[in-house]
């Protein structure tokens, strides 16, 4: 059990924690386009180098499109790739946004997400349309998006980076994610962690706080 009196900072994952995502939908959309093995290329647990590089911002959107067509052997337009790729992106439930707004009054809250430019362009527009937040810095103390900083979870360096950049103490910091590999890596930095299960909503977790 985490001693809530000790926690001063909270680092949130985005997809599956704050933002609803459904990997199955993207897999199904790519199947319709003829990509039969998409779940072997990308899933919550496994990503090929193409997707890792894209999430680190190492390759541009254009190169991502071109390399995707090359490895799948299927000639499809940029638009169709983006549409299928974005189909996993869901909504920002109201209760989660309200939770963040309340928590930031008591804690320093941060965002740490493995994400990419295509997904970002979609969900940031939804966030602004639904809640009038034009950027994450209006909701969080700071946001760390993998494609902007050239690092991604579960690499330990990204957790060390967030801790160092903000001069926070790991023992006073709670990291919440829905992927086991990420919470296990965060523990190596000394962060307190909470692995959000598929049956839980982040708002349920804070009923304990």
Protein backbone atom coordinates (compact mmCIF):
# COMPACT_ATOMS: atom_id res chain seq x y z
CA UNK A 1 0.00 0.00 0.00
CA UNK A 2 1.31 3.43 -0.95
CA UNK A 3 1.36 6.02 1.80
CA UNK A 4 -0.55 8.92 0.26
CA UNK A 5 1.00 11.32 2.74
CA UNK A 6 4.38 10.62 1.18
CA UNK A 7 3.26 11.33 -2.40
CA UNK A 8 3.84 14.85 -3.71
CA UNK A 9 4.05 14.17 -7.46
CA UNK A 10 2.06 11.96 -9.84
CA UNK A 11 3.16 10.92 -13.32
CA UNK A 12 0.36 9.68 -15.58
CA UNK A 13 0.48 7.56 -18.69
CA UNK A 14 -1.94 8.75 -21.39
CA UNK A 15 -3.40 5.92 -23.48
CA UNK A 16 -5.45 3.49 -21.40
CA UNK A 17 -5.21 5.74 -18.34
CA UNK A 18 -6.46 9.21 -19.31
CA UNK A 19 -7.36 8.63 -22.96
CA UNK A 20 -9.41 5.62 -24.06
CA UNK A 21 -7.63 3.46 -26.64
CA UNK A 22 -8.57 0.22 -28.36
CA UNK A 23 -5.75 -1.58 -30.18
CA UNK A 24 -8.24 -4.10 -31.60
CA UNK A 25 -9.95 -1.43 -33.70
CA UNK A 26 -6.74 -0.47 -35.48
CA UNK A 27 -5.87 -4.12 -36.06
CA UNK A 28 -9.29 -4.70 -37.63
CA UNK A 29 -9.06 -1.61 -39.83
CA UNK A 30 -5.69 -2.65 -41.20
CA UNK A 31 -7.05 -6.14 -41.86
CA UNK A 32 -9.69 -4.54 -44.09
CA UNK A 33 -6.87 -2.85 -46.00
CA UNK A 34 -5.09 -6.16 -46.49
CA UNK A 35 -2.58 -5.98 -43.63
CA UNK A 36 -3.19 -9.39 -42.09
CA UNK A 37 -0.45 -9.42 -39.44
CA UNK A 38 -0.68 -5.92 -38.00
CA UNK A 39 -0.89 -7.19 -34.41
CA UNK A 40 2.56 -8.73 -34.90
CA UNK A 41 3.91 -5.37 -35.99
CA UNK A 42 2.26 -3.35 -33.23
CA UNK A 43 0.40 -4.09 -30.01
CA UNK A 44 0.40 -2.85 -26.44
CA UNK A 45 3.13 -5.35 -25.56
CA UNK A 46 5.19 -5.57 -28.76
CA UNK A 47 6.29 -2.98 -31.33
CA UNK A 48 8.66 -3.39 -34.25
CA UNK A 49 11.50 -0.91 -34.81
CA UNK A 50 9.36 1.07 -37.26
CA UNK A 51 6.88 2.00 -34.56
CA UNK A 52 9.53 2.46 -31.88
CA UNK A 53 11.42 4.87 -34.13
CA UNK A 54 8.22 6.71 -34.97
CA UNK A 55 7.36 7.07 -31.28
CA UNK A 56 10.85 8.43 -30.61
CA UNK A 57 10.51 10.97 -33.40
CA UNK A 58 13.48 9.44 -35.22
CA UNK A 59 11.52 9.20 -38.46
CA UNK A 60 9.08 11.69 -39.97
CA UNK A 61 5.42 11.05 -40.75
CA UNK A 62 6.35 10.74 -44.45
CA UNK A 63 9.04 8.15 -43.76
CA UNK A 64 6.63 6.28 -41.50
CA UNK A 65 4.10 6.07 -44.33
CA UNK A 66 6.72 4.94 -46.84
CA UNK A 67 8.29 2.34 -44.55
CA UNK A 68 4.88 1.03 -43.53
CA UNK A 69 3.99 0.40 -47.17
CA UNK A 70 7.36 -1.27 -47.72
CA UNK A 71 7.18 -3.71 -44.79
CA UNK A 72 3.55 -4.63 -45.45
CA UNK A 73 3.96 -4.84 -49.20
CA UNK A 74 0.63 -3.11 -49.66
CA UNK A 75 0.13 0.09 -51.64
CA UNK A 76 -2.30 2.24 -49.66
CA UNK A 77 -2.59 6.00 -49.39
CA UNK A 78 -1.26 8.10 -46.54
CA UNK A 79 -4.86 8.99 -45.70
CA UNK A 80 -5.92 5.36 -45.34
CA UNK A 81 -2.88 4.54 -43.21
CA UNK A 82 -3.64 7.45 -40.88
CA UNK A 83 -7.35 6.64 -40.69
CA UNK A 84 -6.70 3.02 -39.71
CA UNK A 85 -3.85 3.97 -37.38
CA UNK A 86 -6.04 6.56 -35.63
CA UNK A 87 -9.01 4.24 -35.19
CA UNK A 88 -7.57 3.09 -31.84
CA UNK A 89 -7.86 6.61 -30.41
CA UNK A 90 -10.93 7.08 -28.25
CA UNK A 91 -12.19 9.89 -26.06
CA UNK A 92 -11.19 11.73 -22.91
CA UNK A 93 -13.90 10.79 -20.38
CA UNK A 94 -15.15 13.79 -18.44
CA UNK A 95 -14.55 12.22 -15.02
CA UNK A 96 -10.85 11.72 -15.79
CA UNK A 97 -10.32 15.32 -16.85
CA UNK A 98 -12.11 16.52 -13.73
CA UNK A 99 -9.92 14.21 -11.65
CA UNK A 100 -6.77 15.79 -13.10
CA UNK A 101 -8.12 19.26 -12.46
CA UNK A 102 -8.70 18.37 -8.81
CA UNK A 103 -5.42 16.52 -8.31
CA UNK A 104 -3.31 19.37 -9.61
CA UNK A 105 -4.54 21.44 -6.65
CA UNK A 106 -2.81 19.02 -4.26
CA UNK A 107 0.02 17.47 -6.29
CA UNK A 108 2.41 18.24 -9.10
CA UNK A 109 1.04 16.15 -11.95
CA UNK A 110 2.95 15.16 -15.09
CA UNK A 111 2.17 13.34 -18.32
CA UNK A 112 4.54 10.71 -19.73
CA UNK A 113 3.39 9.02 -22.91
CA UNK A 114 4.70 6.84 -25.70
CA UNK A 115 3.00 8.48 -28.64
CA UNK A 116 3.54 9.76 -32.16
CA UNK A 117 2.79 12.80 -34.29
CA UNK A 118 -0.20 11.28 -36.11
CA UNK A 119 -2.00 10.27 -32.93
CA UNK A 120 -1.06 13.51 -31.20
CA UNK A 121 -2.60 15.63 -33.95
CA UNK A 122 -5.91 13.82 -33.48
CA UNK A 123 -6.28 13.64 -29.71
CA UNK A 124 -5.02 17.16 -28.98
CA UNK A 125 -7.78 18.49 -31.27
CA UNK A 126 -10.33 16.42 -29.35
CA UNK A 127 -9.03 17.70 -26.04
CA UNK A 128 -9.40 21.28 -27.20
CA UNK A 129 -12.83 20.73 -28.74
CA UNK A 130 -14.25 18.97 -25.70
CA UNK A 131 -12.47 20.78 -22.84
CA UNK A 132 -10.80 23.85 -24.38
CA UNK A 133 -7.32 22.74 -23.34
CA UNK A 134 -5.13 23.70 -26.30
CA UNK A 135 -2.06 21.94 -24.97
CA UNK A 136 -1.21 19.53 -22.18
CA UNK A 137 0.80 22.14 -20.30
CA UNK A 138 -2.52 23.77 -19.41
CA UNK A 139 -3.55 20.61 -17.58
CA UNK A 140 -0.26 19.17 -16.34
CA UNK A 141 2.81 20.68 -14.68
CA UNK A 142 4.75 19.36 -17.68
CA UNK A 143 4.07 16.82 -20.41
CA UNK A 144 6.62 14.43 -21.87
CA UNK A 145 5.71 12.90 -25.21
CA UNK A 146 8.11 10.33 -26.60
CA UNK A 147 8.23 11.74 -30.13
CA UNK A 148 9.27 15.13 -28.74
CA UNK A 149 12.04 13.97 -26.41
CA UNK A 150 13.54 11.06 -28.36
CA UNK A 151 12.96 8.52 -25.60
CA UNK A 152 10.23 6.03 -24.84
CA UNK A 153 9.04 3.70 -22.12
CA UNK A 154 10.03 1.19 -20.84
CA UNK A 155 13.62 2.46 -21.23
CA UNK A 156 14.82 3.54 -17.80
CA UNK A 157 16.41 6.70 -19.19
CA UNK A 158 13.03 8.34 -19.76
CA UNK A 159 12.06 8.00 -16.09
CA UNK A 160 15.44 9.32 -14.97
CA UNK A 161 14.98 12.24 -17.37
CA UNK A 162 11.60 13.28 -15.93
CA UNK A 163 12.89 13.01 -12.37
CA UNK A 164 16.04 15.03 -13.10
CA UNK A 165 14.31 17.67 -15.22
CA UNK A 166 11.87 18.47 -12.43
CA UNK A 167 14.15 17.92 -9.45
CA UNK A 168 11.62 15.61 -7.82
CA UNK A 169 12.27 12.76 -5.43
CA UNK A 170 11.34 9.30 -6.74
CA UNK A 171 10.12 8.15 -3.32
CA UNK A 172 7.65 11.05 -3.32
CA UNK A 173 6.46 10.33 -6.86
CA UNK A 174 3.75 7.94 -8.04
CA UNK A 175 3.82 6.64 -11.63
CA UNK A 176 0.59 5.21 -13.06
CA UNK A 177 0.55 3.13 -16.24
CA UNK A 178 -1.47 0.26 -17.71
CA UNK A 179 1.56 -1.67 -19.02
CA UNK A 180 3.51 -3.99 -16.73
CA UNK A 181 6.83 -3.46 -18.52
CA UNK A 182 6.58 0.28 -17.91
CA UNK A 183 5.81 0.12 -14.20
CA UNK A 184 8.58 -2.44 -13.68
CA UNK A 185 11.10 -0.17 -15.38
CA UNK A 186 9.91 2.85 -13.39
CA UNK A 187 10.62 0.96 -10.17
CA UNK A 188 14.31 0.86 -11.14
CA UNK A 189 14.34 4.65 -10.87
CA UNK A 190 12.87 4.38 -7.39
CA UNK A 191 9.42 5.61 -8.37
CA UNK A 192 6.33 4.36 -6.59
CA UNK A 193 4.13 2.66 -9.17
CA UNK A 194 0.56 1.62 -9.76
CA UNK A 195 -0.34 -0.80 -12.56
CA UNK A 196 -3.84 0.06 -13.76
CA UNK A 197 -5.79 -3.07 -14.68
CA UNK A 198 -8.20 -3.36 -17.61
CA UNK A 199 -11.11 -3.52 -15.18
CA UNK A 200 -10.18 -0.29 -13.41
CA UNK A 201 -10.76 3.33 -14.21
CA UNK A 202 -8.20 5.82 -12.99
CA UNK A 203 -10.94 7.57 -11.00
CA UNK A 204 -11.50 4.36 -9.04
CA UNK A 205 -7.87 4.35 -7.95
CA UNK A 206 -8.16 7.77 -6.37
CA UNK A 207 -11.15 6.80 -4.30
CA UNK A 208 -8.39 5.42 -2.07
CA UNK A 209 -6.76 8.85 -1.81
